[in-house]
Amino acid sequence: MGNSWVCFAPKEEVGFTGEPSKRFPNSSRKARTSSSPSKNKGKLDEDAFIQQQAIAAALLFRHHQQNGSLSLSRSTSLVFPSSPGPKKLSKSSSSRQRSRFDSLIQPHQLVIDKDPNVDALETNHFVLVHGGGFGAWCWYKIMTLLEEGGYRVDAVDLTGAGIHSFDTNSIASLAQYVKPLTDFLEKLGDGEKVILAGHDFGGACISYAMELFPSKISKAIFIAAAMLSSGQSTLDMFSQQAASNDLMRQAQIFLYANGKDQAPTAIDLDKTLVKDLLFNQSPAKDITLALVSMRPIPLAPVMEKLSLSDEDYGSVQRFYIVTQEDCAIPVSLQESMIEINPPEQVFWLKGSDHAPFFSRPQSLHKVLVEIAQIPSKQV
């Protein structure tokens, strides 16, 4: 979502037409009908590889099913918790097409060993907060990697996002938008703490929560996120680069639920431009997931100024993760937020677009674990 609220000049509506993604650009008709022996052999090798992988996966699945360690139930909760049972299987996050010369992955290699230090931490519980337009669904790779390392993970759908059925156009305040997160934190037990991680507009959301529940938050991690000062709105911050981001202005679609003679109520993004704006380094399958899952961004919370105090918000350790190939929130704007409101430490993700949970999941996971293991600040 980035700074999709920074320019309020209405423009013509853009249709949601998009060309289907081409997942196998080299598989032309000519290639399929070729009678070259080397090409046919290559295809046979690839077919054999896929068949063996499928058999290995099926055997592993059957093993987990028979032992009751792989749940097939689908959560309908607004919060997506980690499963209490044994570890799930990880999926490759690489966007490289697999070669027939790659070695076969054995079932036992799909499980990541538990982090030996996880139980000694002040908290091993992550709460992941999505950005504007996204939902809890965007964290699926990160949740899997963290869970397999022994961490507890919850991903929250904010009001009107993900599977939350509330109408985005009817959200009138930041408090209303963040309510699923504040409800979650309020229900934590006495002395229980979590690590909050917010992406994009989720940075403003976790800041709001830090002010309300500082004693329940061990660390706060801003991932290409709005890290604001007191008295600022997300709109104020991202307006700094409005004039220089033509792609963002072109992608904005303002929604007027109360009529064109009233102020806009939400912002949507032109699906034909989303790939270049948000997912310029992400795999095609994740872009497809985003295109069918993203929802409009409520405007009122974006315009609301935060009230943050040193005693509450300032008492929580903050960390920032910079995404270096970000076209939605450029590095220059991320650096500006860091300079104005310095965190304890800054991490850089090379090759990451605005969605590091898609484009660089393993690198993001590594940084999250590193931050979790940093000793807590003594207040």
Protein backbone atom coordinates (compact mmCIF):
# COMPACT_ATOMS: atom_id res chain seq x y z
CA MET A 1 0.00 0.00 0.00
CA GLY A 2 2.93 2.23 0.73
CA ASN A 3 2.06 5.89 0.42
CA SER A 4 -1.05 5.32 -1.60
CA TRP A 5 -2.79 8.15 0.23
CA VAL A 6 -0.33 10.89 -0.54
CA CYS A 7 -2.06 12.48 -3.50
CA PHE A 8 -5.71 13.43 -3.28
CA ALA A 9 -6.23 14.82 -6.76
CA PRO A 10 -9.05 12.64 -8.16
CA LYS A 11 -8.37 10.91 -11.43
CA GLU A 12 -10.36 8.88 -13.89
CA GLU A 13 -11.31 5.44 -12.65
CA VAL A 14 -8.98 2.74 -13.83
CA GLY A 15 -10.38 -0.60 -14.84
CA PHE A 16 -9.28 -3.75 -13.07
CA THR A 17 -8.10 -5.43 -16.25
CA GLY A 18 -4.85 -7.34 -16.15
CA GLU A 19 -3.08 -9.79 -18.35
CA PRO A 20 -2.64 -13.29 -16.93
CA SER A 21 0.80 -13.95 -15.60
CA LYS A 22 3.13 -16.07 -17.69
CA ARG A 23 4.71 -18.45 -15.27
CA PHE A 24 6.74 -20.35 -17.84
CA PRO A 25 8.00 -17.78 -20.35
CA ASN A 26 10.17 -20.31 -22.20
CA SER A 27 7.45 -22.88 -22.78
CA SER A 28 6.43 -21.72 -26.24
CA ARG A 29 4.45 -23.86 -28.65
CA LYS A 30 7.55 -24.40 -30.73
CA ALA A 31 9.44 -25.76 -27.75
CA ARG A 32 6.63 -28.14 -26.88
CA THR A 33 6.51 -29.65 -30.33
CA SER A 34 10.25 -29.96 -30.84
CA SER A 35 11.55 -33.43 -31.65
CA SER A 36 15.10 -32.69 -30.51
CA PRO A 37 16.42 -35.71 -28.50
CA SER A 38 18.20 -33.47 -25.97
CA LYS A 39 15.06 -31.42 -25.34
CA ASN A 40 12.93 -34.54 -25.02
CA LYS A 41 15.42 -36.00 -22.56
CA GLY A 42 15.36 -32.79 -20.58
CA LYS A 43 11.59 -32.90 -20.39
CA LEU A 44 11.66 -36.53 -19.28
CA ASP A 45 14.19 -35.65 -16.56
CA GLU A 46 12.00 -32.81 -15.36
CA ASP A 47 8.89 -35.02 -15.39
CA ALA A 48 10.76 -37.65 -13.40
CA PHE A 49 11.92 -35.02 -10.93
CA ILE A 50 8.41 -33.66 -10.43
CA GLN A 51 7.02 -37.19 -10.03
CA GLN A 52 9.61 -38.10 -7.40
CA GLN A 53 8.99 -34.87 -5.53
CA ALA A 54 5.24 -35.51 -5.58
CA ILE A 55 5.74 -39.04 -4.25
CA ALA A 56 8.01 -37.78 -1.47
CA ALA A 57 5.52 -35.08 -0.52
CA ALA A 58 2.62 -37.56 -0.56
CA LEU A 59 4.50 -40.01 1.68
CA LEU A 60 5.40 -37.26 4.09
CA PHE A 61 1.84 -35.97 4.13
CA ARG A 62 0.51 -39.48 4.83
CA HIS A 63 2.99 -39.86 7.69
CA HIS A 64 1.86 -36.60 9.30
CA GLN A 65 -1.79 -37.43 8.73
CA GLN A 66 -1.46 -40.85 10.35
CA ASN A 67 0.35 -39.36 13.35
CA GLY A 68 -2.14 -36.56 13.78
CA SER A 69 0.48 -33.85 13.40
CA LEU A 70 -0.86 -32.00 10.35
CA SER A 71 -4.13 -30.18 10.85
CA LEU A 72 -6.38 -29.65 7.82
CA SER A 73 -8.89 -27.38 9.49
CA ARG A 74 -9.23 -23.83 8.14
CA SER A 75 -9.31 -21.01 10.65
CA THR A 76 -12.11 -18.50 10.41
CA SER A 77 -10.77 -16.37 13.24
CA LEU A 78 -9.73 -12.78 12.78
CA VAL A 79 -6.42 -13.76 14.33
CA PHE A 80 -4.43 -16.52 12.68
CA PRO A 81 -2.54 -18.34 15.47
CA SER A 82 0.30 -20.76 15.20
CA SER A 83 -0.76 -24.37 15.61
CA PRO A 84 0.09 -25.94 18.95
CA GLY A 85 1.12 -29.26 17.41
CA PRO A 86 4.42 -30.31 15.86
CA LYS A 87 6.09 -28.23 13.19
CA LYS A 88 4.63 -27.78 9.70
CA LEU A 89 6.50 -28.12 6.46
CA SER A 90 8.26 -25.19 4.86
CA LYS A 91 7.83 -24.19 1.23
CA SER A 92 10.59 -22.88 -0.92
CA SER A 93 10.53 -19.10 -1.16
CA SER A 94 12.91 -18.97 -4.09
CA SER A 95 11.65 -17.50 -7.36
CA ARG A 96 14.32 -19.40 -9.38
CA GLN A 97 12.96 -22.11 -11.65
CA ARG A 98 14.24 -25.46 -10.44
CA SER A 99 16.76 -27.22 -12.67
CA ARG A 100 16.66 -30.95 -13.41
CA PHE A 101 20.23 -31.05 -12.13
CA ASP A 102 19.16 -29.98 -8.62
CA SER A 103 19.33 -32.75 -6.07
CA LEU A 104 16.05 -34.13 -4.79
CA ILE A 105 14.93 -32.81 -1.42
CA GLN A 106 14.26 -35.60 1.02
CA PRO A 107 11.23 -35.30 3.34
CA HIS A 108 13.35 -34.99 6.48
CA GLN A 109 15.15 -31.99 4.96
CA LEU A 110 11.93 -29.97 4.77
CA VAL A 111 11.78 -29.42 8.54
CA ILE A 112 13.82 -26.60 10.08
CA ASP A 113 15.47 -27.37 13.40
CA LYS A 114 14.19 -25.51 16.41
CA ASP A 115 16.23 -22.50 17.45
CA PRO A 116 18.09 -23.69 20.59
CA ASN A 117 17.83 -20.23 22.19
CA VAL A 118 14.12 -19.69 21.68
CA ASP A 119 12.99 -20.88 25.12
CA ALA A 120 15.48 -18.63 26.92
CA LEU A 121 14.15 -15.39 25.40
CA GLU A 122 12.06 -12.85 27.27
CA THR A 123 9.36 -13.72 24.74
CA ASN A 124 9.25 -15.97 21.70
CA HIS A 125 5.82 -14.73 20.65
CA PHE A 126 5.56 -12.67 17.44
CA VAL A 127 2.44 -10.72 16.48
CA LEU A 128 2.51 -9.70 12.80
CA VAL A 129 0.53 -6.68 11.60
CA HIS A 130 -0.10 -6.22 7.89
CA GLY A 131 0.03 -3.00 5.90
CA GLY A 132 -2.74 -1.13 4.13
CA GLY A 133 -4.62 -3.28 1.64
CA PHE A 134 -2.96 -6.47 2.87
CA GLY A 135 -4.20 -9.00 5.41
CA ALA A 136 -2.90 -11.71 7.70
CA TRP A 137 -2.56 -13.89 4.59
CA CYS A 138 0.56 -11.99 3.45
CA TRP A 139 2.65 -13.44 6.31
CA TYR A 140 2.23 -17.12 5.40
CA LYS A 141 5.91 -17.71 4.57
CA ILE A 142 7.18 -15.85 7.64
CA MET A 143 4.74 -17.63 9.94
CA THR A 144 5.93 -21.00 8.64
CA LEU A 145 9.62 -20.18 9.07
CA LEU A 146 9.17 -18.76 12.59
CA GLU A 147 6.97 -21.63 13.75
CA GLU A 148 9.48 -24.17 12.54
CA GLY A 149 12.14 -22.41 14.62
CA GLY A 150 10.01 -22.85 17.75
CA TYR A 151 8.48 -19.37 17.89
CA ARG A 152 4.85 -18.61 18.58
CA VAL A 153 3.25 -16.53 15.84
CA ASP A 154 -0.05 -14.71 15.41
CA ALA A 155 -1.06 -12.63 12.40
CA VAL A 156 -3.92 -10.20 12.88
CA ASP A 157 -6.50 -9.08 10.35
CA LEU A 158 -7.24 -5.43 11.10
CA THR A 159 -10.78 -4.09 10.67
CA GLY A 160 -11.95 -4.39 7.07
CA ALA A 161 -8.86 -6.35 6.01
CA GLY A 162 -8.30 -9.98 5.11
CA ILE A 163 -11.31 -12.05 6.15
CA HIS A 164 -12.66 -9.29 8.42
CA SER A 165 -16.04 -8.56 6.86
CA PHE A 166 -16.40 -4.91 7.91
CA ASP A 167 -16.88 -2.36 5.11
CA THR A 168 -13.62 -0.46 4.61
CA ASN A 169 -15.50 2.70 3.62
CA SER A 170 -17.19 2.82 7.04
CA ILE A 171 -14.00 2.89 9.14
CA ALA A 172 -13.95 6.28 10.87
CA SER A 173 -10.83 6.21 13.07
CA LEU A 174 -7.48 4.59 13.71
CA ALA A 175 -8.82 3.09 16.95
CA GLN A 176 -11.57 1.34 15.01
CA TYR A 177 -9.15 0.06 12.39
CA VAL A 178 -6.65 -1.26 14.97
CA LYS A 179 -9.27 -2.76 17.30
CA PRO A 180 -8.53 -6.43 16.46
CA LEU A 181 -4.90 -5.81 17.51
CA THR A 182 -5.73 -3.91 20.70
CA ASP A 183 -8.32 -6.56 21.63
CA PHE A 184 -5.66 -9.23 21.17
CA LEU A 185 -3.13 -7.39 23.35
CA GLU A 186 -5.71 -6.66 26.02
CA LYS A 187 -6.40 -10.37 26.42
CA LEU A 188 -2.76 -11.30 27.03
CA GLY A 189 -2.09 -12.72 30.48
CA ASP A 190 -0.35 -10.84 33.25
CA GLY A 191 3.36 -10.55 32.55
CA GLU A 192 2.98 -11.92 29.01
CA LYS A 193 4.83 -9.97 26.32
CA VAL A 194 4.99 -10.10 22.53
CA ILE A 195 7.18 -8.81 19.72
CA LEU A 196 5.13 -6.60 17.41
CA ALA A 197 6.11 -6.40 13.74
CA GLY A 198 4.30 -3.96 11.46
CA HIS A 199 4.57 -3.53 7.70
CA ASP A 200 3.72 -0.37 5.76
CA PHE A 201 0.72 1.39 7.38
CA GLY A 202 0.96 -1.33 10.03
CA GLY A 203 3.80 0.76 11.47
CA ALA A 204 1.33 3.44 12.54
CA CYS A 205 -0.94 0.70 13.90
CA ILE A 206 1.72 -0.86 16.12
CA SER A 207 2.76 2.64 17.28
CA TYR A 208 -0.81 3.21 18.43
CA ALA A 209 -0.71 -0.12 20.30
CA MET A 210 2.68 0.69 21.86
CA GLU A 211 1.19 3.80 23.42
CA LEU A 212 -1.69 1.81 24.92
CA PHE A 213 0.12 -1.39 26.00
CA PRO A 214 3.82 -0.67 26.50
CA SER A 215 4.20 -3.26 29.27
CA LYS A 216 2.94 -6.01 26.95
CA ILE A 217 5.32 -5.27 24.08
CA SER A 218 8.90 -6.43 24.34
CA LYS A 219 10.06 -5.04 20.98
CA ALA A 220 8.53 -3.27 18.00
CA ILE A 221 9.78 -3.92 14.47
CA PHE A 222 8.96 -1.57 11.60
CA ILE A 223 9.25 -3.29 8.21
CA ALA A 224 9.26 -0.68 5.42
CA ALA A 225 6.71 0.94 7.67
CA ALA A 226 5.33 4.27 8.82
CA MET A 227 7.43 5.09 11.88
CA LEU A 228 5.91 8.40 12.95
CA SER A 229 6.60 11.10 15.50
CA SER A 230 3.94 12.36 17.89
CA GLY A 231 1.57 14.77 16.16
CA GLN A 232 2.12 13.22 12.72
CA SER A 233 -0.31 11.31 10.56
CA THR A 234 0.68 8.71 8.04
CA LEU A 235 -0.52 11.13 5.38
CA ASP A 236 1.88 13.80 6.68
CA MET A 237 4.84 11.48 6.45
CA PHE A 238 4.21 10.06 3.02
CA SER A 239 3.24 13.39 1.51
CA GLN A 240 6.96 14.21 1.57
CA GLN A 241 7.52 12.17 -1.58
CA ALA A 242 4.18 12.65 -3.32
CA ALA A 243 5.59 14.82 -6.07
CA SER A 244 8.33 12.35 -7.00
CA ASN A 245 6.35 9.10 -7.15
CA ASP A 246 4.48 9.12 -10.47
CA LEU A 247 3.77 5.40 -10.32
CA MET A 248 2.01 5.76 -6.98
CA ARG A 249 -0.17 8.59 -8.23
CA GLN A 250 -1.10 6.59 -11.31
CA ALA A 251 -2.02 3.55 -9.22
CA GLN A 252 -4.36 5.37 -6.83
CA ILE A 253 -8.10 4.87 -7.18
CA PHE A 254 -10.16 6.94 -4.74
CA LEU A 255 -13.45 5.50 -3.54
CA TYR A 256 -16.41 7.76 -2.73
CA ALA A 257 -18.90 5.71 -0.72
CA ASN A 258 -20.80 8.87 0.29
CA GLY A 259 -20.94 10.34 -3.20
CA LYS A 260 -18.51 12.21 -5.44
CA ASP A 261 -19.50 15.52 -3.81
CA GLN A 262 -18.12 14.21 -0.46
CA ALA A 263 -14.59 13.42 0.66
CA PRO A 264 -13.15 10.05 -0.45
CA THR A 265 -13.62 7.23 2.05
CA ALA A 266 -10.96 4.74 0.90
CA ILE A 267 -8.20 4.13 -1.61
CA ASP A 268 -7.78 1.18 -3.90
CA LEU A 269 -4.88 0.38 -6.22
CA ASP A 270 -4.97 -0.23 -9.94
CA LYS A 271 -4.24 -3.95 -10.23
CA THR A 272 -2.42 -3.46 -13.53
CA LEU A 273 0.22 -1.32 -11.77
CA VAL A 274 0.54 -3.18 -8.47
CA LYS A 275 3.27 -5.52 -9.66
CA ASP A 276 5.64 -2.66 -10.55
CA LEU A 277 4.71 -0.64 -7.47
CA LEU A 278 4.70 -3.21 -4.67
CA PHE A 279 5.99 -6.54 -6.01
CA ASN A 280 8.81 -5.72 -8.44
CA GLN A 281 11.00 -8.48 -6.92
CA SER A 282 8.31 -10.95 -5.81
CA PRO A 283 7.46 -14.39 -7.27
CA ALA A 284 4.53 -14.57 -9.69
CA LYS A 285 2.51 -16.89 -7.43
CA ASP A 286 2.63 -14.40 -4.57
CA ILE A 287 1.65 -11.52 -6.84
CA THR A 288 -1.36 -13.56 -7.94
CA LEU A 289 -2.27 -14.21 -4.31
CA ALA A 290 -2.07 -10.48 -3.56
CA LEU A 291 -4.14 -9.47 -6.58
CA VAL A 292 -7.07 -11.63 -5.48
CA SER A 293 -6.71 -10.86 -1.75
CA MET A 294 -5.94 -7.16 -1.35
CA ARG A 295 -8.72 -4.84 -0.21
CA PRO A 296 -9.17 -1.04 -0.22
CA ILE A 297 -7.37 1.08 2.37
CA PRO A 298 -9.56 3.15 4.74
CA LEU A 299 -8.72 6.84 4.47
CA ALA A 300 -9.72 8.14 7.92
CA PRO A 301 -7.03 6.19 9.87
CA VAL A 302 -4.38 7.33 7.40
CA MET A 303 -5.25 10.96 8.06
CA GLU A 304 -5.35 10.66 11.86
CA LYS A 305 -2.46 12.21 13.83
CA LEU A 306 -0.85 10.02 16.48
CA SER A 307 -0.32 11.05 20.07
CA LEU A 308 2.82 9.28 21.32
CA SER A 309 4.59 9.77 24.64
CA ASP A 310 8.14 9.04 25.74
CA GLU A 311 6.81 7.28 28.84
CA ASP A 312 4.74 4.70 26.93
CA TYR A 313 5.57 4.52 23.22
CA GLY A 314 9.15 5.60 23.94
CA SER A 315 9.71 2.84 26.48
CA VAL A 316 9.48 0.08 23.86
CA GLN A 317 12.59 -0.95 21.93
CA ARG A 318 12.19 -0.09 18.25
CA PHE A 319 13.93 -1.60 15.22
CA TYR A 320 13.61 -0.69 11.55
CA ILE A 321 14.03 -2.94 8.49
CA VAL A 322 14.78 -1.09 5.25
CA THR A 323 13.68 -2.62 1.92
CA GLN A 324 16.26 -1.53 -0.62
CA GLU A 325 14.35 -2.13 -3.89
CA ASP A 326 11.12 -0.56 -2.64
CA CYS A 327 9.17 1.44 -5.24
CA ALA A 328 6.27 2.28 -2.89
CA ILE A 329 8.27 3.66 0.07
CA PRO A 330 11.65 4.60 -1.43
CA VAL A 331 14.81 4.18 0.62
CA SER A 332 15.11 7.98 0.86
CA LEU A 333 11.78 8.19 2.70
CA GLN A 334 12.64 5.25 4.96
CA GLU A 335 15.93 6.94 5.84
CA SER A 336 14.10 10.18 6.57
CA MET A 337 11.82 8.45 9.08
CA ILE A 338 14.84 6.79 10.69
CA GLU A 339 16.65 10.11 11.00
CA ILE A 340 13.67 11.96 12.47
CA ASN A 341 12.63 9.19 14.88
CA PRO A 342 15.75 7.04 15.42
CA PRO A 343 15.21 3.38 16.37
CA GLU A 344 17.63 1.31 18.40
CA GLN A 345 18.98 -0.47 15.33
CA VAL A 346 18.48 -0.51 11.55
CA PHE A 347 18.64 -3.57 9.29
CA TRP A 348 18.84 -3.59 5.50
CA LEU A 349 17.27 -6.16 3.18
CA LYS A 350 19.09 -6.24 -0.15
CA GLY A 351 16.97 -7.07 -3.17
CA SER A 352 13.68 -6.65 -1.34
CA ASP A 353 10.70 -4.86 -2.82
CA HIS A 354 7.91 -3.41 -0.70
CA ALA A 355 6.79 -6.93 0.24
CA PRO A 356 9.83 -8.65 1.82
CA PHE A 357 7.61 -11.44 3.13
CA PHE A 358 7.24 -12.42 -0.54
CA SER A 359 10.48 -11.31 -2.19
CA ARG A 360 13.00 -12.07 0.60
CA PRO A 361 11.22 -14.25 3.20
CA GLN A 362 14.31 -16.09 4.43
CA SER A 363 16.30 -12.87 4.84
CA LEU A 364 13.40 -11.23 6.67
CA HIS A 365 13.00 -14.29 8.89
CA LYS A 366 16.70 -14.19 9.76
CA VAL A 367 16.49 -10.52 10.79
CA LEU A 368 13.35 -11.10 12.87
CA VAL A 369 15.06 -13.91 14.76
CA GLU A 370 18.16 -11.77 15.27
CA ILE A 371 16.05 -8.96 16.73
CA ALA A 372 14.18 -11.40 18.98
CA GLN A 373 17.52 -12.47 20.47
CA ILE A 374 18.72 -8.93 21.26
CA PRO A 375 18.63 -8.47 25.05
CA SER A 376 15.66 -6.47 26.25
CA LYS A 377 16.22 -2.94 27.46
CA GLN A 378 16.10 -2.56 31.22
CA VAL A 379 13.69 0.23 32.18
